[in-house]
Amino acid sequence: MRQFTFAGLKLVLGVAMIMPAIAMAGDWFNYVGDSGDSMNWRSNGQVLTMDSAQGAGITVTRTRPEPLWGLQKGDVIEAVNEQPVKHVGELLERLKASAPAMVALTLRRGTDRQTIRVAAADYARLVPPEPPSPPVPPAPPELPHAH
């Protein structure tokens, strides 16, 4: 385990590596891990994982409970509000753009194609909120006038 000292404070890298595992053990938090081609989401006992690395759509790889918002393991999400999506990153962007309206997800379940509706209150937890705007800087001080 490496330790660094900076102005009397020690940063222990081993703790930084262990913290995500500790955080994931509980169900009291929102956790979203998104790589653009995969996503792992957990919140209050609910779990949704998706993967799009194969390029054949966005495959739901795990839900808890099953089904979650109408999604089941093995579903392949093909469109959001009739707009095609192929990657998890695209799906999240479409969801963000759709807020606060309900969305229609077109999916393939086995050989069947169907549409499910997901409420904004549900999918909003998957999409991180926009960061707050930075504060307005103060006005520059007035310069004295020369006489």
C-alpha atoms as a PDB file:
ATOM      1  CA  MET A   1       0.000   0.000   0.000  1.00  0.00           C
ATOM      2  CA  ARG A   2       1.471   3.365  -1.008  1.00  0.00           C
ATOM      3  CA  GLN A   3       1.197   6.458   1.149  1.00  0.00           C
ATOM      4  CA  PHE A   4       1.818  10.041   0.171  1.00  0.00           C
ATOM      5  CA  THR A   5       2.276  12.912   2.587  1.00  0.00           C
ATOM      6  CA  PHE A   6       1.061  16.336   1.552  1.00  0.00           C
ATOM      7  CA  ALA A   7       1.047  19.209   4.055  1.00  0.00           C
ATOM      8  CA  GLY A   8       0.721  16.797   6.968  1.00  0.00           C
ATOM      9  CA  LEU A   9      -2.142  14.802   5.385  1.00  0.00           C
ATOM     10  CA  LYS A  10      -1.735  11.187   4.337  1.00  0.00           C
ATOM     11  CA  LEU A  11      -3.553   9.832   1.349  1.00  0.00           C
ATOM     12  CA  VAL A  12      -3.742   6.079   1.448  1.00  0.00           C
ATOM     13  CA  LEU A  13      -4.341   4.690  -2.041  1.00  0.00           C
ATOM     14  CA  GLY A  14      -5.472   1.330  -0.688  1.00  0.00           C
ATOM     15  CA  VAL A  15      -8.467   3.013   0.977  1.00  0.00           C
ATOM     16  CA  ALA A  16      -9.359   4.758  -2.281  1.00  0.00           C
ATOM     17  CA  MET A  17      -9.495   1.366  -4.010  1.00  0.00           C
ATOM     18  CA  ILE A  18     -11.585  -0.249  -1.268  1.00  0.00           C
ATOM     19  CA  MET A  19     -14.193   2.530  -0.949  1.00  0.00           C
ATOM     20  CA  PRO A  20     -16.171   1.701  -4.140  1.00  0.00           C
ATOM     21  CA  ALA A  21     -16.529  -1.920  -2.980  1.00  0.00           C
ATOM     22  CA  ILE A  22     -17.759  -0.768   0.443  1.00  0.00           C
ATOM     23  CA  ALA A  23     -20.183   1.698  -1.122  1.00  0.00           C
ATOM     24  CA  MET A  24     -21.574  -0.964  -3.458  1.00  0.00           C
ATOM     25  CA  ALA A  25     -22.275  -3.304  -0.533  1.00  0.00           C
ATOM     26  CA  GLY A  26     -25.117  -1.099   0.733  1.00  0.00           C
ATOM     27  CA  ASP A  27     -28.409  -0.133  -0.831  1.00  0.00           C
ATOM     28  CA  TRP A  28     -28.699   3.403   0.524  1.00  0.00           C
ATOM     29  CA  PHE A  29     -27.023   5.208  -2.352  1.00  0.00           C
ATOM     30  CA  ASN A  30     -27.325   5.944  -6.034  1.00  0.00           C
ATOM     31  CA  TYR A  31     -24.496   4.429  -8.023  1.00  0.00           C
ATOM     32  CA  VAL A  32     -24.124   4.923 -11.745  1.00  0.00           C
ATOM     33  CA  GLY A  33     -21.116   3.614 -13.628  1.00  0.00           C
ATOM     34  CA  ASP A  34     -21.237   4.462 -17.312  1.00  0.00           C
ATOM     35  CA  SER A  35     -18.558   3.775 -19.918  1.00  0.00           C
ATOM     36  CA  GLY A  36     -20.640   4.685 -22.991  1.00  0.00           C
ATOM     37  CA  ASP A  37     -21.055   0.989 -23.825  1.00  0.00           C
ATOM     38  CA  SER A  38     -22.080  -0.304 -20.407  1.00  0.00           C
ATOM     39  CA  MET A  39     -23.877   0.891 -17.324  1.00  0.00           C
ATOM     40  CA  ASN A  40     -24.230  -0.403 -13.775  1.00  0.00           C
ATOM     41  CA  TRP A  41     -26.899   1.347 -11.696  1.00  0.00           C
ATOM     42  CA  ARG A  42     -27.976   0.629  -8.122  1.00  0.00           C
ATOM     43  CA  SER A  43     -30.329   2.471  -5.807  1.00  0.00           C
ATOM     44  CA  ASN A  44     -32.344   1.374  -2.769  1.00  0.00           C
ATOM     45  CA  GLY A  45     -32.242  -2.321  -3.632  1.00  0.00           C
ATOM     46  CA  GLN A  46     -32.907  -1.787  -7.347  1.00  0.00           C
ATOM     47  CA  VAL A  47     -30.296  -2.809  -9.927  1.00  0.00           C
ATOM     48  CA  LEU A  48     -30.070  -2.260 -13.679  1.00  0.00           C
ATOM     49  CA  THR A  49     -27.067  -3.238 -15.791  1.00  0.00           C
ATOM     50  CA  MET A  50     -26.852  -2.813 -19.558  1.00  0.00           C
ATOM     51  CA  ASP A  51     -24.223  -3.436 -22.220  1.00  0.00           C
ATOM     52  CA  SER A  52     -23.923  -2.302 -25.834  1.00  0.00           C
ATOM     53  CA  ALA A  53     -20.353  -3.392 -26.624  1.00  0.00           C
ATOM     54  CA  GLN A  54     -21.545  -5.993 -29.163  1.00  0.00           C
ATOM     55  CA  GLY A  55     -23.057  -3.281 -31.401  1.00  0.00           C
ATOM     56  CA  ALA A  56     -26.396  -5.073 -31.707  1.00  0.00           C
ATOM     57  CA  GLY A  57     -28.365  -2.722 -29.475  1.00  0.00           C
ATOM     58  CA  ILE A  58     -28.425  -2.233 -25.728  1.00  0.00           C
ATOM     59  CA  THR A  59     -28.791  -5.524 -23.883  1.00  0.00           C
ATOM     60  CA  VAL A  60     -30.247  -5.565 -20.374  1.00  0.00           C
ATOM     61  CA  THR A  61     -27.924  -7.908 -18.486  1.00  0.00           C
ATOM     62  CA  ARG A  62     -29.453  -7.684 -15.002  1.00  0.00           C
ATOM     63  CA  THR A  63     -32.458  -6.206 -13.205  1.00  0.00           C
ATOM     64  CA  ARG A  64     -33.547  -6.337  -9.598  1.00  0.00           C
ATOM     65  CA  PRO A  65     -36.391  -6.733  -9.040  1.00  0.00           C
ATOM     66  CA  GLU A  66     -37.255  -8.536 -12.252  1.00  0.00           C
ATOM     67  CA  PRO A  67     -38.893  -6.916 -14.159  1.00  0.00           C
ATOM     68  CA  LEU A  68     -37.712  -3.389 -13.341  1.00  0.00           C
ATOM     69  CA  TRP A  69     -39.838  -0.655 -14.985  1.00  0.00           C
ATOM     70  CA  GLY A  70     -40.944  -3.310 -17.483  1.00  0.00           C
ATOM     71  CA  LEU A  71     -37.356  -4.266 -18.418  1.00  0.00           C
ATOM     72  CA  GLN A  72     -36.136  -7.860 -18.061  1.00  0.00           C
ATOM     73  CA  LYS A  73     -32.781  -9.571 -18.375  1.00  0.00           C
ATOM     74  CA  GLY A  74     -32.166 -10.308 -22.066  1.00  0.00           C
ATOM     75  CA  ASP A  75     -34.234  -7.406 -23.431  1.00  0.00           C
ATOM     76  CA  VAL A  76     -32.519  -5.433 -26.200  1.00  0.00           C
ATOM     77  CA  ILE A  77     -33.422  -1.724 -26.216  1.00  0.00           C
ATOM     78  CA  GLU A  78     -33.560  -0.491 -29.815  1.00  0.00           C
ATOM     79  CA  ALA A  79     -35.187   2.965 -29.604  1.00  0.00           C
ATOM     80  CA  VAL A  80     -36.261   5.786 -27.296  1.00  0.00           C
ATOM     81  CA  ASN A  81     -39.415   7.574 -28.454  1.00  0.00           C
ATOM     82  CA  GLU A  82     -38.982   5.932 -31.884  1.00  0.00           C
ATOM     83  CA  GLN A  83     -35.411   7.256 -32.261  1.00  0.00           C
ATOM     84  CA  PRO A  84     -32.888   4.389 -32.674  1.00  0.00           C
ATOM     85  CA  VAL A  85     -30.175   3.897 -30.042  1.00  0.00           C
ATOM     86  CA  LYS A  86     -27.233   1.503 -30.257  1.00  0.00           C
ATOM     87  CA  HIS A  87     -25.074   2.499 -27.290  1.00  0.00           C
ATOM     88  CA  VAL A  88     -25.747   3.047 -23.597  1.00  0.00           C
ATOM     89  CA  GLY A  89     -24.341   6.581 -23.860  1.00  0.00           C
ATOM     90  CA  GLU A  90     -26.896   7.399 -26.577  1.00  0.00           C
ATOM     91  CA  LEU A  91     -29.701   5.973 -24.447  1.00  0.00           C
ATOM     92  CA  LEU A  92     -28.716   8.145 -21.481  1.00  0.00           C
ATOM     93  CA  GLU A  93     -28.513  11.258 -23.681  1.00  0.00           C
ATOM     94  CA  ARG A  94     -31.999  10.571 -25.125  1.00  0.00           C
ATOM     95  CA  LEU A  95     -33.400  10.044 -21.633  1.00  0.00           C
ATOM     96  CA  LYS A  96     -31.821  13.295 -20.439  1.00  0.00           C
ATOM     97  CA  ALA A  97     -33.290  15.163 -23.437  1.00  0.00           C
ATOM     98  CA  SER A  98     -36.752  13.663 -22.766  1.00  0.00           C
ATOM     99  CA  ALA A  99     -37.023  14.739 -19.134  1.00  0.00           C
ATOM    100  CA  PRO A 100     -39.496  15.295 -17.539  1.00  0.00           C
ATOM    101  CA  ALA A 101     -41.779  13.376 -19.927  1.00  0.00           C
ATOM    102  CA  MET A 102     -42.550   9.658 -19.898  1.00  0.00           C
ATOM    103  CA  VAL A 103     -40.546   7.778 -22.554  1.00  0.00           C
ATOM    104  CA  ALA A 104     -41.438   4.903 -24.855  1.00  0.00           C
ATOM    105  CA  LEU A 105     -38.700   2.271 -25.128  1.00  0.00           C
ATOM    106  CA  THR A 106     -38.880  -0.032 -28.128  1.00  0.00           C
ATOM    107  CA  LEU A 107     -37.281  -3.336 -27.297  1.00  0.00           C
ATOM    108  CA  ARG A 108     -36.789  -6.824 -28.572  1.00  0.00           C
ATOM    109  CA  ARG A 109     -37.686  -9.591 -26.128  1.00  0.00           C
ATOM    110  CA  GLY A 110     -36.794 -12.909 -27.684  1.00  0.00           C
ATOM    111  CA  THR A 111     -38.406 -12.799 -31.132  1.00  0.00           C
ATOM    112  CA  ASP A 112     -41.070 -10.254 -30.108  1.00  0.00           C
ATOM    113  CA  ARG A 113     -40.783  -6.495 -30.528  1.00  0.00           C
ATOM    114  CA  GLN A 114     -42.679  -4.376 -28.020  1.00  0.00           C
ATOM    115  CA  THR A 115     -42.869  -0.903 -26.538  1.00  0.00           C
ATOM    116  CA  ILE A 116     -42.862  -0.168 -22.831  1.00  0.00           C
ATOM    117  CA  ARG A 117     -43.418   3.186 -21.177  1.00  0.00           C
ATOM    118  CA  VAL A 118     -41.087   4.360 -18.408  1.00  0.00           C
ATOM    119  CA  ALA A 119     -42.015   7.242 -16.099  1.00  0.00           C
ATOM    120  CA  ALA A 120     -39.667  10.195 -15.810  1.00  0.00           C
ATOM    121  CA  ALA A 121     -39.411   9.654 -12.037  1.00  0.00           C
ATOM    122  CA  ASP A 122     -37.877   6.235 -12.738  1.00  0.00           C
ATOM    123  CA  TYR A 123     -35.431   6.982 -15.544  1.00  0.00           C
ATOM    124  CA  ALA A 124     -34.376  10.340 -14.041  1.00  0.00           C
ATOM    125  CA  ARG A 125     -32.414   8.388 -11.423  1.00  0.00           C
ATOM    126  CA  LEU A 126     -30.274   6.871 -14.211  1.00  0.00           C
ATOM    127  CA  VAL A 127     -29.295  10.225 -15.692  1.00  0.00           C
ATOM    128  CA  PRO A 128     -26.933  12.344 -13.601  1.00  0.00           C
ATOM    129  CA  PRO A 129     -28.224  15.881 -13.088  1.00  0.00           C
ATOM    130  CA  GLU A 130     -26.561  18.783 -14.834  1.00  0.00           C
ATOM    131  CA  PRO A 131     -23.886  20.408 -12.683  1.00  0.00           C
ATOM    132  CA  PRO A 132     -24.927  23.742 -11.210  1.00  0.00           C
ATOM    133  CA  SER A 133     -23.960  26.865 -13.089  1.00  0.00           C
ATOM    134  CA  PRO A 134     -20.890  28.629 -11.736  1.00  0.00           C
ATOM    135  CA  PRO A 135     -21.574  31.736  -9.669  1.00  0.00           C
ATOM    136  CA  VAL A 136     -21.496  35.099 -11.388  1.00  0.00           C
ATOM    137  CA  PRO A 137     -18.149  36.755 -10.709  1.00  0.00           C
ATOM    138  CA  PRO A 138     -18.237  40.002  -8.744  1.00  0.00           C
ATOM    139  CA  ALA A 139     -18.059  43.269 -10.622  1.00  0.00           C
ATOM    140  CA  PRO A 140     -14.537  44.691 -10.910  1.00  0.00           C
ATOM    141  CA  PRO A 141     -13.731  47.486  -8.475  1.00  0.00           C
ATOM    142  CA  GLU A 142     -14.155  51.005  -9.744  1.00  0.00           C
ATOM    143  CA  LEU A 143     -10.922  52.753 -10.582  1.00  0.00           C
ATOM    144  CA  PRO A 144     -10.317  56.180  -9.065  1.00  0.00           C
ATOM    145  CA  HIS A 145     -10.721  59.062 -11.521  1.00  0.00           C
ATOM    146  CA  ALA A 146      -7.654  61.178 -12.240  1.00  0.00           C
ATOM    147  CA  HIS A 147      -8.071  64.938 -11.693  1.00  0.00           C
END
